[in-house]
């Protein structure tokens, strides 16, 4: 198991995956969490964009993927939504989501913060991209780790 995977206990990982699955039950949107020890770029948003592409979040049919990126040793994180969702959420949504994460992260409550923020993203996704009976889970719900 990678050191990144060890950052969260099995129970914490399961809680995050369940938050992703719960959010995606109500929307055609896709949510992904990526954890790294160190940010491979000095600009966390640039690294999040690289990971977004590596994980194929840009290939969802409605361009409604959301990435939660965390580089825990560098204490950096980002939330990035694809074009489809970014055009529809309130202007302050991404900043308020980052503020929510920061609040939990400062207390060392990483899995709790991610779970809560994923839930908030799910509400926005449901509003703008409601679940359809023919919805297909376009991306795996697991947490990705490392480079």
N, C-alpha and C. Protein backbone atom coordinates (compact mmCIF):
# COMPACT_ATOMS: atom_id res chain seq x y z
N UNK A 1 0.84 -1.18 0.00
CA UNK A 1 0.00 0.00 0.00
C UNK A 1 0.89 1.25 0.00
N UNK A 2 0.54 2.24 -0.80
CA UNK A 2 1.35 3.46 -0.88
C UNK A 2 1.23 4.27 0.40
N UNK A 3 2.22 5.13 0.64
CA UNK A 3 2.17 5.98 1.83
C UNK A 3 0.98 6.93 1.75
N UNK A 4 0.60 7.32 0.54
CA UNK A 4 -0.57 8.18 0.39
C UNK A 4 -1.83 7.47 0.87
N UNK A 5 -1.94 6.18 0.53
CA UNK A 5 -3.11 5.41 0.95
C UNK A 5 -3.14 5.26 2.46
N UNK A 6 -1.98 5.25 3.09
CA UNK A 6 -1.91 5.11 4.55
C UNK A 6 -2.30 6.39 5.27
N UNK A 7 -2.38 7.50 4.56
CA UNK A 7 -2.76 8.77 5.18
C UNK A 7 -4.15 8.66 5.81
N UNK A 8 -5.03 7.92 5.18
CA UNK A 8 -6.37 7.67 5.70
C UNK A 8 -6.48 6.23 6.15
N UNK A 9 -7.17 6.00 7.25
CA UNK A 9 -7.46 4.63 7.66
C UNK A 9 -8.44 4.03 6.66
N UNK A 10 -8.59 2.71 6.70
CA UNK A 10 -9.57 2.05 5.83
C UNK A 10 -10.96 2.62 6.07
N UNK A 11 -11.28 2.86 7.33
CA UNK A 11 -12.60 3.40 7.68
C UNK A 11 -12.79 4.80 7.10
N UNK A 12 -11.76 5.63 7.19
CA UNK A 12 -11.85 6.98 6.64
C UNK A 12 -11.98 6.95 5.12
N UNK A 13 -11.22 6.07 4.47
CA UNK A 13 -11.34 5.93 3.02
C UNK A 13 -12.75 5.51 2.65
N UNK A 14 -13.30 4.57 3.40
CA UNK A 14 -14.65 4.09 3.11
C UNK A 14 -15.67 5.21 3.29
N UNK A 15 -15.48 6.05 4.31
CA UNK A 15 -16.40 7.17 4.55
C UNK A 15 -16.37 8.14 3.36
N UNK A 16 -15.19 8.41 2.83
CA UNK A 16 -15.06 9.31 1.68
C UNK A 16 -15.71 8.69 0.44
N UNK A 17 -15.46 7.41 0.21
CA UNK A 17 -16.06 6.72 -0.94
C UNK A 17 -17.58 6.72 -0.82
N UNK A 18 -18.09 6.50 0.39
CA UNK A 18 -19.55 6.53 0.59
C UNK A 18 -20.11 7.93 0.32
N UNK A 19 -19.36 8.98 0.68
CA UNK A 19 -19.81 10.35 0.39
C UNK A 19 -19.87 10.57 -1.12
N UNK A 20 -18.88 10.04 -1.84
CA UNK A 20 -18.88 10.15 -3.30
C UNK A 20 -20.10 9.42 -3.86
N UNK A 21 -20.33 8.20 -3.41
CA UNK A 21 -21.45 7.40 -3.93
C UNK A 21 -22.79 8.05 -3.60
N UNK A 22 -22.91 8.61 -2.40
CA UNK A 22 -24.15 9.27 -2.00
C UNK A 22 -24.39 10.50 -2.86
N UNK A 23 -23.34 11.28 -3.10
CA UNK A 23 -23.48 12.48 -3.94
C UNK A 23 -23.88 12.09 -5.36
N UNK A 24 -23.25 11.02 -5.88
CA UNK A 24 -23.49 10.64 -7.27
C UNK A 24 -24.83 9.94 -7.47
N UNK A 25 -25.46 9.47 -6.39
CA UNK A 25 -26.79 8.84 -6.50
C UNK A 25 -27.83 9.83 -6.98
N UNK A 26 -27.57 11.11 -6.75
CA UNK A 26 -28.56 12.14 -7.02
C UNK A 26 -28.24 12.97 -8.26
N UNK A 27 -27.17 12.60 -8.98
CA UNK A 27 -26.73 13.44 -10.08
C UNK A 27 -26.08 12.62 -11.18
N UNK A 28 -26.01 13.21 -12.34
CA UNK A 28 -25.24 12.59 -13.43
C UNK A 28 -23.78 13.03 -13.35
N UNK A 29 -23.46 13.92 -12.41
CA UNK A 29 -22.09 14.41 -12.24
C UNK A 29 -21.18 13.35 -11.66
N UNK A 30 -19.88 13.59 -11.77
CA UNK A 30 -18.86 12.67 -11.27
C UNK A 30 -17.96 13.40 -10.29
N UNK A 31 -17.66 12.73 -9.18
CA UNK A 31 -16.80 13.29 -8.14
C UNK A 31 -15.59 12.38 -7.98
N UNK A 32 -14.42 12.98 -7.87
CA UNK A 32 -13.19 12.21 -7.69
C UNK A 32 -12.34 12.88 -6.62
N UNK A 33 -11.69 12.05 -5.80
CA UNK A 33 -10.75 12.53 -4.79
C UNK A 33 -9.37 11.97 -5.13
N UNK A 34 -8.37 12.85 -5.14
CA UNK A 34 -7.00 12.43 -5.41
C UNK A 34 -6.10 12.93 -4.28
N UNK A 35 -5.31 12.01 -3.70
CA UNK A 35 -4.44 12.32 -2.57
C UNK A 35 -2.99 12.08 -2.97
N UNK A 36 -2.14 13.06 -2.68
CA UNK A 36 -0.71 12.93 -2.88
C UNK A 36 0.01 13.41 -1.63
N UNK A 37 1.22 12.92 -1.44
CA UNK A 37 2.03 13.38 -0.32
C UNK A 37 2.50 14.80 -0.60
N UNK A 38 3.03 15.03 -1.80
CA UNK A 38 3.57 16.34 -2.17
C UNK A 38 2.94 16.80 -3.49
N UNK A 39 2.79 18.09 -3.61
CA UNK A 39 2.27 18.68 -4.84
C UNK A 39 3.41 18.75 -5.85
N UNK A 40 3.24 18.10 -6.98
CA UNK A 40 4.30 18.02 -7.99
C UNK A 40 4.44 19.31 -8.81
N UNK A 41 3.82 20.37 -8.37
CA UNK A 41 3.86 21.64 -9.07
C UNK A 41 3.83 22.74 -8.01
N UNK A 42 4.47 23.84 -8.24
CA UNK A 42 4.44 24.91 -7.24
C UNK A 42 3.05 25.54 -7.13
N UNK A 43 2.29 25.51 -8.19
CA UNK A 43 0.93 26.05 -8.19
C UNK A 43 -0.06 24.90 -8.04
N UNK A 44 -0.77 24.87 -6.92
CA UNK A 44 -1.68 23.75 -6.63
C UNK A 44 -2.80 23.64 -7.67
N UNK A 45 -3.28 24.76 -8.20
CA UNK A 45 -4.35 24.68 -9.21
C UNK A 45 -3.82 24.08 -10.51
N UNK A 46 -2.58 24.39 -10.86
CA UNK A 46 -2.00 23.78 -12.06
C UNK A 46 -1.86 22.27 -11.88
N UNK A 47 -1.44 21.85 -10.68
CA UNK A 47 -1.33 20.41 -10.42
C UNK A 47 -2.72 19.76 -10.45
N UNK A 48 -3.70 20.42 -9.88
CA UNK A 48 -5.07 19.88 -9.89
C UNK A 48 -5.56 19.73 -11.34
N UNK A 49 -5.22 20.68 -12.20
CA UNK A 49 -5.61 20.58 -13.62
C UNK A 49 -4.93 19.39 -14.28
N UNK A 50 -3.66 19.16 -13.96
CA UNK A 50 -2.94 17.99 -14.51
C UNK A 50 -3.62 16.69 -14.06
N UNK A 51 -3.92 16.60 -12.78
CA UNK A 51 -4.57 15.40 -12.23
C UNK A 51 -5.96 15.23 -12.85
N UNK A 52 -6.67 16.33 -13.01
CA UNK A 52 -8.00 16.31 -13.61
C UNK A 52 -7.95 15.60 -14.97
N UNK A 53 -6.95 15.96 -15.76
CA UNK A 53 -6.79 15.35 -17.09
C UNK A 53 -6.33 13.91 -16.98
N UNK A 54 -5.38 13.63 -16.08
CA UNK A 54 -4.89 12.26 -15.90
C UNK A 54 -6.01 11.29 -15.51
N UNK A 55 -6.95 11.78 -14.72
CA UNK A 55 -8.07 10.95 -14.24
C UNK A 55 -9.26 10.95 -15.21
N UNK A 56 -9.10 11.64 -16.33
CA UNK A 56 -10.14 11.72 -17.37
C UNK A 56 -11.43 12.36 -16.91
N UNK A 57 -11.34 13.26 -15.95
CA UNK A 57 -12.55 13.95 -15.50
C UNK A 57 -13.12 14.86 -16.58
N UNK A 58 -12.30 15.24 -17.53
CA UNK A 58 -12.74 16.11 -18.62
C UNK A 58 -13.52 15.33 -19.69
N UNK A 59 -13.60 14.03 -19.54
CA UNK A 59 -14.27 13.21 -20.55
C UNK A 59 -15.69 12.80 -20.17
N UNK A 60 -16.24 13.38 -19.11
CA UNK A 60 -17.62 13.06 -18.78
C UNK A 60 -18.53 13.67 -19.84
N UNK A 61 -19.62 13.01 -20.10
CA UNK A 61 -20.47 13.42 -21.22
C UNK A 61 -21.02 14.84 -21.08
N UNK A 62 -21.29 15.27 -19.83
CA UNK A 62 -21.84 16.61 -19.64
C UNK A 62 -20.81 17.59 -19.08
N UNK A 63 -19.54 17.18 -19.08
CA UNK A 63 -18.45 18.02 -18.55
C UNK A 63 -18.77 18.49 -17.13
N UNK A 64 -19.21 17.53 -16.30
CA UNK A 64 -19.64 17.87 -14.94
C UNK A 64 -18.87 17.10 -13.87
N UNK A 65 -17.59 16.89 -14.11
CA UNK A 65 -16.73 16.25 -13.12
C UNK A 65 -16.19 17.27 -12.12
N UNK A 66 -16.00 16.80 -10.88
CA UNK A 66 -15.44 17.64 -9.82
C UNK A 66 -14.29 16.88 -9.17
N UNK A 67 -13.15 17.54 -9.05
CA UNK A 67 -11.98 16.94 -8.42
C UNK A 67 -11.68 17.62 -7.09
N UNK A 68 -11.49 16.79 -6.06
CA UNK A 68 -10.98 17.25 -4.76
C UNK A 68 -9.54 16.75 -4.69
N UNK A 69 -8.58 17.67 -4.68
CA UNK A 69 -7.16 17.34 -4.70
C UNK A 69 -6.53 17.74 -3.37
N UNK A 70 -5.73 16.84 -2.80
CA UNK A 70 -5.04 17.12 -1.54
C UNK A 70 -3.60 16.63 -1.60
N UNK A 71 -2.66 17.53 -1.34
CA UNK A 71 -1.24 17.18 -1.16
C UNK A 71 -0.95 17.43 0.32
N UNK A 72 -1.07 16.39 1.13
CA UNK A 72 -1.12 16.58 2.58
C UNK A 72 0.19 17.03 3.21
N UNK A 73 1.34 16.59 2.74
CA UNK A 73 2.59 17.04 3.36
C UNK A 73 2.86 18.50 3.04
N UNK A 74 2.47 18.94 1.86
CA UNK A 74 2.65 20.33 1.47
C UNK A 74 1.53 21.23 1.98
N UNK A 75 0.51 20.62 2.56
CA UNK A 75 -0.64 21.36 3.08
C UNK A 75 -1.30 22.21 1.99
N UNK A 76 -1.48 21.59 0.83
CA UNK A 76 -2.12 22.25 -0.30
C UNK A 76 -3.33 21.44 -0.74
N UNK A 77 -4.35 22.12 -1.19
CA UNK A 77 -5.52 21.44 -1.72
C UNK A 77 -6.22 22.34 -2.73
N UNK A 78 -7.03 21.70 -3.55
CA UNK A 78 -7.78 22.44 -4.56
C UNK A 78 -9.09 21.71 -4.84
N UNK A 79 -10.05 22.46 -5.31
CA UNK A 79 -11.32 21.90 -5.78
C UNK A 79 -11.48 22.45 -7.19
N UNK A 80 -11.71 21.54 -8.12
CA UNK A 80 -11.77 21.95 -9.52
C UNK A 80 -12.97 21.29 -10.19
N UNK A 81 -13.79 22.11 -10.81
CA UNK A 81 -14.94 21.60 -11.54
C UNK A 81 -14.76 21.80 -13.03
N UNK A 82 -15.28 20.86 -13.80
CA UNK A 82 -15.18 20.96 -15.25
C UNK A 82 -16.09 22.09 -15.76
N UNK A 83 -15.95 22.37 -17.02
CA UNK A 83 -16.64 23.49 -17.68
C UNK A 83 -18.16 23.46 -17.46
N UNK A 84 -18.77 22.29 -17.60
CA UNK A 84 -20.22 22.20 -17.49
C UNK A 84 -20.74 22.62 -16.13
N UNK A 85 -20.11 22.14 -15.08
CA UNK A 85 -20.55 22.49 -13.72
C UNK A 85 -20.08 23.90 -13.35
N UNK A 86 -18.90 24.28 -13.78
CA UNK A 86 -18.35 25.59 -13.43
C UNK A 86 -19.23 26.72 -13.96
N UNK A 87 -19.83 26.50 -15.11
CA UNK A 87 -20.69 27.53 -15.71
C UNK A 87 -22.02 27.69 -14.97
N UNK A 88 -22.38 26.71 -14.13
CA UNK A 88 -23.71 26.72 -13.53
C UNK A 88 -23.76 26.99 -12.04
N UNK A 89 -22.69 26.67 -11.33
CA UNK A 89 -22.73 26.88 -9.88
C UNK A 89 -22.61 28.36 -9.55
N UNK A 90 -23.08 28.76 -8.36
CA UNK A 90 -22.92 30.17 -7.97
C UNK A 90 -21.45 30.58 -8.01
N UNK A 91 -21.21 31.84 -8.28
CA UNK A 91 -19.86 32.37 -8.46
C UNK A 91 -18.95 32.02 -7.28
N UNK A 92 -19.48 32.09 -6.06
CA UNK A 92 -18.65 31.87 -4.88
C UNK A 92 -18.60 30.40 -4.44
N UNK A 93 -19.19 29.49 -5.22
CA UNK A 93 -19.28 28.10 -4.78
C UNK A 93 -17.93 27.46 -4.52
N UNK A 94 -16.99 27.59 -5.44
CA UNK A 94 -15.70 26.93 -5.28
C UNK A 94 -14.94 27.50 -4.09
N UNK A 95 -15.01 28.82 -3.90
CA UNK A 95 -14.33 29.42 -2.75
C UNK A 95 -14.99 29.01 -1.44
N UNK A 96 -16.31 28.94 -1.40
CA UNK A 96 -16.97 28.53 -0.16
C UNK A 96 -16.67 27.06 0.14
N UNK A 97 -16.52 26.25 -0.90
CA UNK A 97 -16.16 24.84 -0.70
C UNK A 97 -14.74 24.73 -0.16
N UNK A 98 -13.83 25.53 -0.71
CA UNK A 98 -12.45 25.53 -0.19
C UNK A 98 -12.40 26.03 1.25
N UNK A 99 -13.23 27.04 1.57
CA UNK A 99 -13.29 27.53 2.95
C UNK A 99 -13.76 26.45 3.90
N UNK A 100 -14.75 25.68 3.47
CA UNK A 100 -15.27 24.57 4.28
C UNK A 100 -14.16 23.54 4.51
N UNK A 101 -13.45 23.17 3.45
CA UNK A 101 -12.35 22.22 3.58
C UNK A 101 -11.28 22.76 4.52
N UNK A 102 -10.91 24.02 4.34
CA UNK A 102 -9.86 24.63 5.17
C UNK A 102 -10.25 24.56 6.65
N UNK A 103 -11.51 24.83 6.94
CA UNK A 103 -12.00 24.79 8.32
C UNK A 103 -11.75 23.41 8.95
N UNK A 104 -12.06 22.36 8.23
CA UNK A 104 -11.85 21.00 8.73
C UNK A 104 -10.36 20.62 8.72
N UNK A 105 -9.67 20.98 7.65
CA UNK A 105 -8.26 20.61 7.52
C UNK A 105 -7.41 21.23 8.62
N UNK A 106 -7.71 22.47 9.01
CA UNK A 106 -6.95 23.12 10.07
C UNK A 106 -7.07 22.37 11.39
N UNK A 107 -8.15 21.63 11.56
CA UNK A 107 -8.35 20.81 12.76
C UNK A 107 -7.82 19.39 12.57
N UNK A 108 -7.23 19.12 11.40
CA UNK A 108 -6.73 17.77 11.13
C UNK A 108 -7.83 16.79 10.77
N UNK A 109 -9.02 17.28 10.46
CA UNK A 109 -10.17 16.43 10.14
C UNK A 109 -10.34 16.31 8.63
N UNK A 110 -9.40 15.61 8.01
CA UNK A 110 -9.35 15.55 6.55
C UNK A 110 -10.51 14.74 5.96
N UNK A 111 -10.75 13.55 6.47
CA UNK A 111 -11.82 12.74 5.88
C UNK A 111 -13.18 13.37 6.14
N UNK A 112 -13.36 13.96 7.31
CA UNK A 112 -14.62 14.63 7.61
C UNK A 112 -14.85 15.83 6.69
N UNK A 113 -13.79 16.60 6.48
CA UNK A 113 -13.89 17.77 5.60
C UNK A 113 -14.20 17.38 4.17
N UNK A 114 -13.48 16.36 3.69
CA UNK A 114 -13.75 15.90 2.32
C UNK A 114 -15.17 15.38 2.19
N UNK A 115 -15.62 14.60 3.15
CA UNK A 115 -16.98 14.04 3.09
C UNK A 115 -18.03 15.16 3.06
N UNK A 116 -17.84 16.16 3.91
CA UNK A 116 -18.79 17.28 3.96
C UNK A 116 -18.77 18.07 2.65
N UNK A 117 -17.58 18.37 2.15
CA UNK A 117 -17.46 19.16 0.92
C UNK A 117 -17.99 18.38 -0.29
N UNK A 118 -17.78 17.07 -0.31
CA UNK A 118 -18.33 16.24 -1.38
C UNK A 118 -19.86 16.30 -1.34
N UNK A 119 -20.42 16.29 -0.14
CA UNK A 119 -21.87 16.42 0.00
C UNK A 119 -22.38 17.73 -0.56
N UNK A 120 -21.65 18.81 -0.27
CA UNK A 120 -22.04 20.13 -0.79
C UNK A 120 -21.95 20.16 -2.32
N UNK A 121 -20.89 19.57 -2.86
CA UNK A 121 -20.76 19.51 -4.32
C UNK A 121 -21.90 18.69 -4.91
N UNK A 122 -22.27 17.62 -4.22
CA UNK A 122 -23.38 16.78 -4.67
C UNK A 122 -24.69 17.55 -4.77
N UNK A 123 -24.92 18.45 -3.82
CA UNK A 123 -26.14 19.28 -3.85
C UNK A 123 -26.14 20.16 -5.09
N UNK A 124 -25.00 20.79 -5.39
CA UNK A 124 -24.91 21.64 -6.58
C UNK A 124 -25.05 20.81 -7.85
N UNK A 125 -24.40 19.66 -7.87
CA UNK A 125 -24.50 18.79 -9.04
C UNK A 125 -25.95 18.35 -9.25
N UNK A 126 -26.63 17.98 -8.17
CA UNK A 126 -28.03 17.55 -8.27
C UNK A 126 -28.90 18.67 -8.82
N UNK A 127 -28.65 19.89 -8.37
CA UNK A 127 -29.43 21.04 -8.83
C UNK A 127 -29.29 21.24 -10.33
N UNK A 128 -28.06 21.13 -10.81
CA UNK A 128 -27.79 21.47 -12.21
C UNK A 128 -27.70 20.26 -13.14
N UNK A 129 -27.43 19.10 -12.58
CA UNK A 129 -27.29 17.86 -13.35
C UNK A 129 -28.00 16.73 -12.62
N UNK A 130 -29.33 16.76 -12.56
CA UNK A 130 -30.06 15.74 -11.80
C UNK A 130 -29.82 14.34 -12.37
N UNK A 131 -29.97 13.36 -11.50
CA UNK A 131 -29.80 11.96 -11.88
C UNK A 131 -30.82 11.61 -12.96
N UNK A 132 -30.39 10.83 -13.92
CA UNK A 132 -31.28 10.37 -14.99
C UNK A 132 -31.37 8.85 -14.89
N UNK A 133 -32.49 8.30 -15.26
CA UNK A 133 -32.68 6.85 -15.14
C UNK A 133 -31.67 6.06 -15.97
N UNK A 134 -31.14 6.66 -17.01
CA UNK A 134 -30.16 5.95 -17.84
C UNK A 134 -28.71 6.37 -17.51
N UNK A 135 -28.54 6.96 -16.32
CA UNK A 135 -27.20 7.44 -15.93
C UNK A 135 -26.22 6.28 -15.82
N UNK A 136 -25.01 6.55 -16.25
CA UNK A 136 -23.91 5.58 -16.17
C UNK A 136 -22.83 6.19 -15.30
N UNK A 137 -22.30 5.41 -14.37
CA UNK A 137 -21.19 5.89 -13.55
C UNK A 137 -19.96 5.91 -14.46
N UNK A 138 -19.56 7.09 -14.89
CA UNK A 138 -18.52 7.22 -15.90
C UNK A 138 -17.11 7.03 -15.34
N UNK A 139 -16.93 7.23 -14.04
CA UNK A 139 -15.61 7.10 -13.42
C UNK A 139 -15.72 6.31 -12.13
N UNK A 140 -14.68 5.55 -11.77
CA UNK A 140 -14.74 4.80 -10.51
C UNK A 140 -14.85 5.74 -9.31
N UNK A 141 -15.52 5.29 -8.27
CA UNK A 141 -15.75 6.10 -7.08
C UNK A 141 -14.61 6.02 -6.07
N UNK A 142 -13.60 5.22 -6.36
CA UNK A 142 -12.50 5.06 -5.41
C UNK A 142 -11.65 6.32 -5.32
N UNK A 143 -10.81 6.38 -4.31
CA UNK A 143 -9.86 7.47 -4.14
C UNK A 143 -8.62 7.11 -4.93
N UNK A 144 -8.08 8.06 -5.67
CA UNK A 144 -6.81 7.79 -6.36
C UNK A 144 -5.68 8.39 -5.52
N UNK A 145 -4.53 7.74 -5.61
CA UNK A 145 -3.39 8.13 -4.77
C UNK A 145 -2.14 8.30 -5.62
N UNK A 146 -1.26 9.20 -5.17
CA UNK A 146 0.07 9.32 -5.75
C UNK A 146 0.10 10.07 -7.06
N UNK A 147 1.24 9.97 -7.69
CA UNK A 147 1.50 10.69 -8.94
C UNK A 147 0.66 10.18 -10.08
